[in-house]
């Protein structure tokens, strides 16, 4: 999975990453290390809810990456 982070970061150099897990803090720590090595902003870590945990199973973890321009252009609905 660390290789995927590197691959996506190369495709989208100005990006933001979010990590998520269901009890796999070691996996999240490894991805966080990769993010720091790639000089990405420190990613937030989210705990998965019951629905995704039920489908993913115990110990599942992952990441999402989005272009930082998506976040900067975000405007909440009024």
PDB file of N, CA and C in Angstrom:
ATOM      1  N   UNK A   1       0.829  -1.178   0.000  1.00  0.00           N
ATOM      2  CA  UNK A   1       0.000   0.000   0.000  1.00  0.00           C
ATOM      3  C   UNK A   1       0.883   1.255   0.000  1.00  0.00           C
ATOM      4  N   UNK A   2       2.058   1.172   0.620  1.00  0.00           N
ATOM      5  CA  UNK A   2       2.972   2.310   0.614  1.00  0.00           C
ATOM      6  C   UNK A   2       3.366   2.681  -0.811  1.00  0.00           C
ATOM      7  N   UNK A   3       3.530   1.681  -1.665  1.00  0.00           N
ATOM      8  CA  UNK A   3       3.844   1.948  -3.061  1.00  0.00           C
ATOM      9  C   UNK A   3       2.723   2.687  -3.775  1.00  0.00           C
ATOM     10  N   UNK A   4       1.478   2.370  -3.429  1.00  0.00           N
ATOM     11  CA  UNK A   4       0.343   3.084  -4.027  1.00  0.00           C
ATOM     12  C   UNK A   4       0.335   4.549  -3.603  1.00  0.00           C
ATOM     13  N   UNK A   5       0.662   4.815  -2.340  1.00  0.00           N
ATOM     14  CA  UNK A   5       0.733   6.208  -1.874  1.00  0.00           C
ATOM     15  C   UNK A   5       1.774   6.961  -2.687  1.00  0.00           C
ATOM     16  N   UNK A   6       2.940   6.363  -2.868  1.00  0.00           N
ATOM     17  CA  UNK A   6       3.995   7.010  -3.650  1.00  0.00           C
ATOM     18  C   UNK A   6       3.551   7.240  -5.095  1.00  0.00           C
ATOM     19  N   UNK A   7       2.879   6.256  -5.671  1.00  0.00           N
ATOM     20  CA  UNK A   7       2.407   6.371  -7.053  1.00  0.00           C
ATOM     21  C   UNK A   7       1.382   7.499  -7.203  1.00  0.00           C
ATOM     22  N   UNK A   8       0.398   7.531  -6.333  1.00  0.00           N
ATOM     23  CA  UNK A   8      -0.633   8.572  -6.410  1.00  0.00           C
ATOM     24  C   UNK A   8      -0.063   9.954  -6.103  1.00  0.00           C
ATOM     25  N   UNK A   9       0.888  10.032  -5.179  1.00  0.00           N
ATOM     26  CA  UNK A   9       1.507  11.323  -4.862  1.00  0.00           C
ATOM     27  C   UNK A   9       2.311  11.844  -6.055  1.00  0.00           C
ATOM     28  N   UNK A  10       2.904  10.946  -6.830  1.00  0.00           N
ATOM     29  CA  UNK A  10       3.648  11.362  -8.020  1.00  0.00           C
ATOM     30  C   UNK A  10       2.707  11.889  -9.092  1.00  0.00           C
ATOM     31  N   UNK A  11       1.526  11.276  -9.212  1.00  0.00           N
ATOM     32  CA  UNK A  11       0.544  11.712 -10.203  1.00  0.00           C
ATOM     33  C   UNK A  11      -0.085  13.042  -9.801  1.00  0.00           C
ATOM     34  N   UNK A  12      -0.304  13.221  -8.511  1.00  0.00           N
ATOM     35  CA  UNK A  12      -0.958  14.421  -7.974  1.00  0.00           C
ATOM     36  C   UNK A  12      -0.015  15.057  -6.957  1.00  0.00           C
ATOM     37  N   UNK A  13       0.973  15.837  -7.419  1.00  0.00           N
ATOM     38  CA  UNK A  13       1.996  16.343  -6.500  1.00  0.00           C
ATOM     39  C   UNK A  13       1.460  17.261  -5.398  1.00  0.00           C
ATOM     40  N   UNK A  14       0.416  18.017  -5.658  1.00  0.00           N
ATOM     41  CA  UNK A  14      -0.162  18.883  -4.634  1.00  0.00           C
ATOM     42  C   UNK A  14      -1.445  18.220  -4.163  1.00  0.00           C
ATOM     43  N   UNK A  15      -1.295  17.352  -3.157  1.00  0.00           N
ATOM     44  CA  UNK A  15      -2.438  16.571  -2.737  1.00  0.00           C
ATOM     45  C   UNK A  15      -2.576  16.560  -1.212  1.00  0.00           C
ATOM     46  N   UNK A  16      -3.703  16.065  -0.802  1.00  0.00           N
ATOM     47  CA  UNK A  16      -4.012  15.919   0.608  1.00  0.00           C
ATOM     48  C   UNK A  16      -4.417  14.467   0.826  1.00  0.00           C
ATOM     49  N   UNK A  17      -3.920  13.893   1.891  1.00  0.00           N
ATOM     50  CA  UNK A  17      -4.189  12.493   2.165  1.00  0.00           C
ATOM     51  C   UNK A  17      -4.937  12.356   3.479  1.00  0.00           C
ATOM     52  N   UNK A  18      -5.841  11.404   3.548  1.00  0.00           N
ATOM     53  CA  UNK A  18      -6.535  11.053   4.776  1.00  0.00           C
ATOM     54  C   UNK A  18      -6.351   9.559   4.991  1.00  0.00           C
ATOM     55  N   UNK A  19      -6.088   9.176   6.227  1.00  0.00           N
ATOM     56  CA  UNK A  19      -5.923   7.772   6.574  1.00  0.00           C
ATOM     57  C   UNK A  19      -7.129   7.312   7.372  1.00  0.00           C
ATOM     58  N   UNK A  20      -7.470   6.042   7.239  1.00  0.00           N
ATOM     59  CA  UNK A  20      -8.565   5.496   8.028  1.00  0.00           C
ATOM     60  C   UNK A  20      -8.240   4.052   8.405  1.00  0.00           C
ATOM     61  N   UNK A  21      -8.820   3.595   9.508  1.00  0.00           N
ATOM     62  CA  UNK A  21      -8.537   2.231   9.954  1.00  0.00           C
ATOM     63  C   UNK A  21      -9.627   1.730  10.898  1.00  0.00           C
ATOM     64  N   UNK A  22      -9.540   0.428  11.144  1.00  0.00           N
ATOM     65  CA  UNK A  22     -10.404  -0.240  12.095  1.00  0.00           C
ATOM     66  C   UNK A  22      -9.502  -1.103  12.981  1.00  0.00           C
ATOM     67  N   UNK A  23      -8.699  -0.443  13.789  1.00  0.00           N
ATOM     68  CA  UNK A  23      -7.834  -1.169  14.712  1.00  0.00           C
ATOM     69  C   UNK A  23      -6.464  -1.537  14.176  1.00  0.00           C
ATOM     70  N   UNK A  24      -6.064  -1.035  13.039  1.00  0.00           N
ATOM     71  CA  UNK A  24      -4.740  -1.340  12.490  1.00  0.00           C
ATOM     72  C   UNK A  24      -3.866  -0.088  12.549  1.00  0.00           C
ATOM     73  N   UNK A  25      -3.446   0.252  13.739  1.00  0.00           N
ATOM     74  CA  UNK A  25      -2.641   1.461  13.921  1.00  0.00           C
ATOM     75  C   UNK A  25      -1.243   1.318  13.338  1.00  0.00           C
ATOM     76  N   UNK A  26      -0.721   0.089  13.259  1.00  0.00           N
ATOM     77  CA  UNK A  26       0.599  -0.126  12.664  1.00  0.00           C
ATOM     78  C   UNK A  26       0.576   0.188  11.164  1.00  0.00           C
ATOM     79  N   UNK A  27      -0.464  -0.247  10.481  1.00  0.00           N
ATOM     80  CA  UNK A  27      -0.588   0.038   9.055  1.00  0.00           C
ATOM     81  C   UNK A  27      -0.707   1.523   8.797  1.00  0.00           C
ATOM     82  N   UNK A  28      -1.486   2.208   9.626  1.00  0.00           N
ATOM     83  CA  UNK A  28      -1.653   3.652   9.494  1.00  0.00           C
ATOM     84  C   UNK A  28      -0.334   4.364   9.764  1.00  0.00           C
ATOM     85  N   UNK A  29       0.416   3.894  10.754  1.00  0.00           N
ATOM     86  CA  UNK A  29       1.713   4.518  11.075  1.00  0.00           C
ATOM     87  C   UNK A  29       2.672   4.400   9.896  1.00  0.00           C
ATOM     88  N   UNK A  30       2.647   3.264   9.203  1.00  0.00           N
ATOM     89  CA  UNK A  30       3.526   3.099   8.037  1.00  0.00           C
ATOM     90  C   UNK A  30       3.148   4.066   6.925  1.00  0.00           C
ATOM     91  N   UNK A  31       1.851   4.215   6.666  1.00  0.00           N
ATOM     92  CA  UNK A  31       1.420   5.152   5.629  1.00  0.00           C
ATOM     93  C   UNK A  31       1.717   6.592   6.024  1.00  0.00           C
ATOM     94  N   UNK A  32       1.605   6.895   7.303  1.00  0.00           N
ATOM     95  CA  UNK A  32       1.926   8.242   7.788  1.00  0.00           C
ATOM     96  C   UNK A  32       3.413   8.537   7.579  1.00  0.00           C
ATOM     97  N   UNK A  33       4.248   7.533   7.812  1.00  0.00           N
ATOM     98  CA  UNK A  33       5.689   7.683   7.587  1.00  0.00           C
ATOM     99  C   UNK A  33       5.970   7.979   6.108  1.00  0.00           C
ATOM    100  N   UNK A  34       5.295   7.268   5.220  1.00  0.00           N
ATOM    101  CA  UNK A  34       5.473   7.494   3.776  1.00  0.00           C
ATOM    102  C   UNK A  34       5.045   8.920   3.420  1.00  0.00           C
ATOM    103  N   UNK A  35       3.934   9.377   3.978  1.00  0.00           N
ATOM    104  CA  UNK A  35       3.458  10.740   3.706  1.00  0.00           C
ATOM    105  C   UNK A  35       4.487  11.774   4.151  1.00  0.00           C
ATOM    106  N   UNK A  36       5.053  11.581   5.327  1.00  0.00           N
ATOM    107  CA  UNK A  36       6.079  12.526   5.806  1.00  0.00           C
ATOM    108  C   UNK A  36       7.307  12.507   4.909  1.00  0.00           C
ATOM    109  N   UNK A  37       7.714  11.303   4.488  1.00  0.00           N
ATOM    110  CA  UNK A  37       8.883  11.183   3.617  1.00  0.00           C
ATOM    111  C   UNK A  37       8.652  11.891   2.287  1.00  0.00           C
ATOM    112  N   UNK A  38       7.416  11.881   1.810  1.00  0.00           N
ATOM    113  CA  UNK A  38       7.071  12.549   0.555  1.00  0.00           C
ATOM    114  C   UNK A  38       6.745  14.027   0.759  1.00  0.00           C
ATOM    115  N   UNK A  39       6.911  14.514   1.983  1.00  0.00           N
ATOM    116  CA  UNK A  39       6.667  15.913   2.353  1.00  0.00           C
ATOM    117  C   UNK A  39       5.225  16.334   2.086  1.00  0.00           C
ATOM    118  N   UNK A  40       4.306  15.416   2.332  1.00  0.00           N
ATOM    119  CA  UNK A  40       2.883  15.724   2.239  1.00  0.00           C
ATOM    120  C   UNK A  40       2.442  16.300   3.588  1.00  0.00           C
ATOM    121  N   UNK A  41       1.358  17.065   3.600  1.00  0.00           N
ATOM    122  CA  UNK A  41       0.835  17.518   4.889  1.00  0.00           C
ATOM    123  C   UNK A  41       0.496  16.311   5.767  1.00  0.00           C
ATOM    124  N   UNK A  42       0.688  16.452   7.065  1.00  0.00           N
ATOM    125  CA  UNK A  42       0.407  15.346   7.977  1.00  0.00           C
ATOM    126  C   UNK A  42      -1.067  14.966   7.853  1.00  0.00           C
ATOM    127  N   UNK A  43      -1.337  13.735   7.482  1.00  0.00           N
ATOM    128  CA  UNK A  43      -2.725  13.355   7.221  1.00  0.00           C
ATOM    129  C   UNK A  43      -3.519  13.105   8.506  1.00  0.00           C
ATOM    130  N   UNK A  44      -4.798  13.488   8.496  1.00  0.00           N
ATOM    131  CA  UNK A  44      -5.652  13.132   9.619  1.00  0.00           C
ATOM    132  C   UNK A  44      -5.945  11.631   9.582  1.00  0.00           C
ATOM    133  N   UNK A  45      -6.216  11.071  10.744  1.00  0.00           N
ATOM    134  CA  UNK A  45      -6.537   9.647  10.850  1.00  0.00           C
ATOM    135  C   UNK A  45      -7.963   9.516  11.351  1.00  0.00           C
ATOM    136  N   UNK A  46      -8.768   8.765  10.616  1.00  0.00           N
ATOM    137  CA  UNK A  46     -10.165   8.566  10.962  1.00  0.00           C
ATOM    138  C   UNK A  46     -10.401   7.117  11.366  1.00  0.00           C
ATOM    139  N   UNK A  47     -11.232   6.927  12.361  1.00  0.00           N
ATOM    140  CA  UNK A  47     -11.653   5.587  12.765  1.00  0.00           C
ATOM    141  C   UNK A  47     -12.856   5.195  11.905  1.00  0.00           C
ATOM    142  N   UNK A  48     -12.824   4.031  11.300  1.00  0.00           N
ATOM    143  CA  UNK A  48     -13.935   3.583  10.469  1.00  0.00           C
ATOM    144  C   UNK A  48     -15.168   3.294  11.320  1.00  0.00           C
ATOM    145  N   UNK A  49     -16.322   3.561  10.756  1.00  0.00           N
ATOM    146  CA  UNK A  49     -17.576   3.277  11.435  1.00  0.00           C
ATOM    147  C   UNK A  49     -17.985   1.820  11.279  1.00  0.00           C
ATOM    148  N   UNK A  50     -19.139   1.495  11.806  1.00  0.00           N
ATOM    149  CA  UNK A  50     -19.584   0.107  11.836  1.00  0.00           C
ATOM    150  C   UNK A  50     -19.889  -0.464  10.454  1.00  0.00           C
ATOM    151  N   UNK A  51     -20.442   0.329   9.554  1.00  0.00           N
ATOM    152  CA  UNK A  51     -20.812  -0.200   8.236  1.00  0.00           C
ATOM    153  C   UNK A  51     -19.572  -0.591   7.447  1.00  0.00           C
ATOM    154  N   UNK A  52     -18.606   0.318   7.328  1.00  0.00           N
ATOM    155  CA  UNK A  52     -17.386  -0.014   6.582  1.00  0.00           C
ATOM    156  C   UNK A  52     -16.575  -1.082   7.296  1.00  0.00           C
ATOM    157  N   UNK A  53     -16.581  -1.068   8.613  1.00  0.00           N
ATOM    158  CA  UNK A  53     -15.865  -2.090   9.369  1.00  0.00           C
ATOM    159  C   UNK A  53     -16.466  -3.463   9.130  1.00  0.00           C
ATOM    160  N   UNK A  54     -17.792  -3.534   9.048  1.00  0.00           N
ATOM    161  CA  UNK A  54     -18.446  -4.819   8.795  1.00  0.00           C
ATOM    162  C   UNK A  54     -18.072  -5.373   7.425  1.00  0.00           C
ATOM    163  N   UNK A  55     -17.931  -4.510   6.441  1.00  0.00           N
ATOM    164  CA  UNK A  55     -17.586  -4.961   5.094  1.00  0.00           C
ATOM    165  C   UNK A  55     -16.095  -5.224   4.944  1.00  0.00           C
ATOM    166  N   UNK A  56     -15.268  -4.423   5.613  1.00  0.00           N
ATOM    167  CA  UNK A  56     -13.825  -4.575   5.485  1.00  0.00           C
ATOM    168  C   UNK A  56     -13.241  -5.622   6.414  1.00  0.00           C
ATOM    169  N   UNK A  57     -13.883  -5.843   7.532  1.00  0.00           N
ATOM    170  CA  UNK A  57     -13.379  -6.796   8.510  1.00  0.00           C
ATOM    171  C   UNK A  57     -12.430  -6.144   9.491  1.00  0.00           C
ATOM    172  N   UNK A  58     -12.046  -6.891  10.515  1.00  0.00           N
ATOM    173  CA  UNK A  58     -11.163  -6.336  11.543  1.00  0.00           C
ATOM    174  C   UNK A  58      -9.761  -6.049  10.987  1.00  0.00           C
ATOM    175  N   UNK A  59      -9.191  -4.961  11.426  1.00  0.00           N
ATOM    176  CA  UNK A  59      -7.821  -4.617  11.042  1.00  0.00           C
ATOM    177  C   UNK A  59      -7.675  -3.954   9.692  1.00  0.00           C
ATOM    178  N   UNK A  60      -8.771  -3.610   9.047  1.00  0.00           N
ATOM    179  CA  UNK A  60      -8.676  -2.973   7.737  1.00  0.00           C
ATOM    180  C   UNK A  60      -8.155  -1.541   7.900  1.00  0.00           C
ATOM    181  N   UNK A  61      -7.395  -1.085   6.926  1.00  0.00           N
ATOM    182  CA  UNK A  61      -6.929   0.302   6.905  1.00  0.00           C
ATOM    183  C   UNK A  61      -6.748   0.727   5.462  1.00  0.00           C
ATOM    184  N   UNK A  62      -6.660   2.025   5.262  1.00  0.00           N
ATOM    185  CA  UNK A  62      -6.491   2.528   3.915  1.00  0.00           C
ATOM    186  C   UNK A  62      -6.256   4.022   3.900  1.00  0.00           C
ATOM    187  N   UNK A  63      -6.344   4.593   2.702  1.00  0.00           N
ATOM    188  CA  UNK A  63      -6.090   6.016   2.539  1.00  0.00           C
ATOM    189  C   UNK A  63      -6.915   6.556   1.387  1.00  0.00           C
ATOM    190  N   UNK A  64      -7.062   7.847   1.381  1.00  0.00           N
ATOM    191  CA  UNK A  64      -7.627   8.536   0.218  1.00  0.00           C
ATOM    192  C   UNK A  64      -6.714   9.719  -0.074  1.00  0.00           C
ATOM    193  N   UNK A  65      -6.579  10.016  -1.341  1.00  0.00           N
ATOM    194  CA  UNK A  65      -5.759  11.152  -1.769  1.00  0.00           C
ATOM    195  C   UNK A  65      -6.604  11.988  -2.727  1.00  0.00           C
ATOM    196  N   UNK A  66      -6.584  13.289  -2.526  1.00  0.00           N
ATOM    197  CA  UNK A  66      -7.306  14.192  -3.417  1.00  0.00           C
ATOM    198  C   UNK A  66      -6.421  15.389  -3.723  1.00  0.00           C
ATOM    199  N   UNK A  67      -6.572  15.979  -4.907  1.00  0.00           N
ATOM    200  CA  UNK A  67      -5.808  17.191  -5.220  1.00  0.00           C
ATOM    201  C   UNK A  67      -6.148  18.285  -4.216  1.00  0.00           C
ATOM    202  N   UNK A  68      -5.161  19.010  -3.773  1.00  0.00           N
ATOM    203  CA  UNK A  68      -5.389  20.058  -2.776  1.00  0.00           C
ATOM    204  C   UNK A  68      -6.312  21.145  -3.320  1.00  0.00           C
ATOM    205  N   UNK A  69      -6.364  21.308  -4.646  1.00  0.00           N
ATOM    206  CA  UNK A  69      -7.254  22.317  -5.215  1.00  0.00           C
ATOM    207  C   UNK A  69      -8.710  21.977  -4.965  1.00  0.00           C
ATOM    208  N   UNK A  70      -9.037  20.696  -4.870  1.00  0.00           N
ATOM    209  CA  UNK A  70     -10.412  20.303  -4.568  1.00  0.00           C
ATOM    210  C   UNK A  70     -10.797  20.841  -3.197  1.00  0.00           C
ATOM    211  N   UNK A  71      -9.919  20.682  -2.226  1.00  0.00           N
ATOM    212  CA  UNK A  71     -10.201  21.140  -0.877  1.00  0.00           C
ATOM    213  C   UNK A  71     -10.255  22.669  -0.807  1.00  0.00           C
ATOM    214  N   UNK A  72      -9.330  23.345  -1.474  1.00  0.00           N
ATOM    215  CA  UNK A  72      -9.299  24.806  -1.427  1.00  0.00           C
ATOM    216  C   UNK A  72     -10.519  25.434  -2.118  1.00  0.00           C
ATOM    217  N   UNK A  73     -11.088  24.755  -3.092  1.00  0.00           N
ATOM    218  CA  UNK A  73     -12.255  25.276  -3.800  1.00  0.00           C
ATOM    219  C   UNK A  73     -13.572  24.873  -3.147  1.00  0.00           C
ATOM    220  N   UNK A  74     -13.493  24.113  -2.076  1.00  0.00           N
ATOM    221  CA  UNK A  74     -14.702  23.640  -1.406  1.00  0.00           C
ATOM    222  C   UNK A  74     -15.427  24.796  -0.730  1.00  0.00           C
ATOM    223  N   UNK A  75     -16.704  24.886  -0.969  1.00  0.00           N
ATOM    224  CA  UNK A  75     -17.542  25.878  -0.310  1.00  0.00           C
ATOM    225  C   UNK A  75     -18.763  25.149   0.251  1.00  0.00           C
ATOM    226  N   UNK A  76     -18.976  25.186   1.550  1.00  0.00           N
ATOM    227  CA  UNK A  76     -20.143  24.496   2.105  1.00  0.00           C
ATOM    228  C   UNK A  76     -21.423  25.166   1.643  1.00  0.00           C
ATOM    229  N   UNK A  77     -22.477  24.352   1.562  1.00  0.00           N
ATOM    230  CA  UNK A  77     -23.778  24.900   1.187  1.00  0.00           C
ATOM    231  C   UNK A  77     -24.282  25.805   2.304  1.00  0.00           C
ATOM    232  N   UNK A  78     -24.944  26.895   1.929  1.00  0.00           N
ATOM    233  CA  UNK A  78     -25.482  27.818   2.928  1.00  0.00           C
ATOM    234  C   UNK A  78     -26.912  27.473   3.256  1.00  0.00           C
TER     235      UNK A  78
END
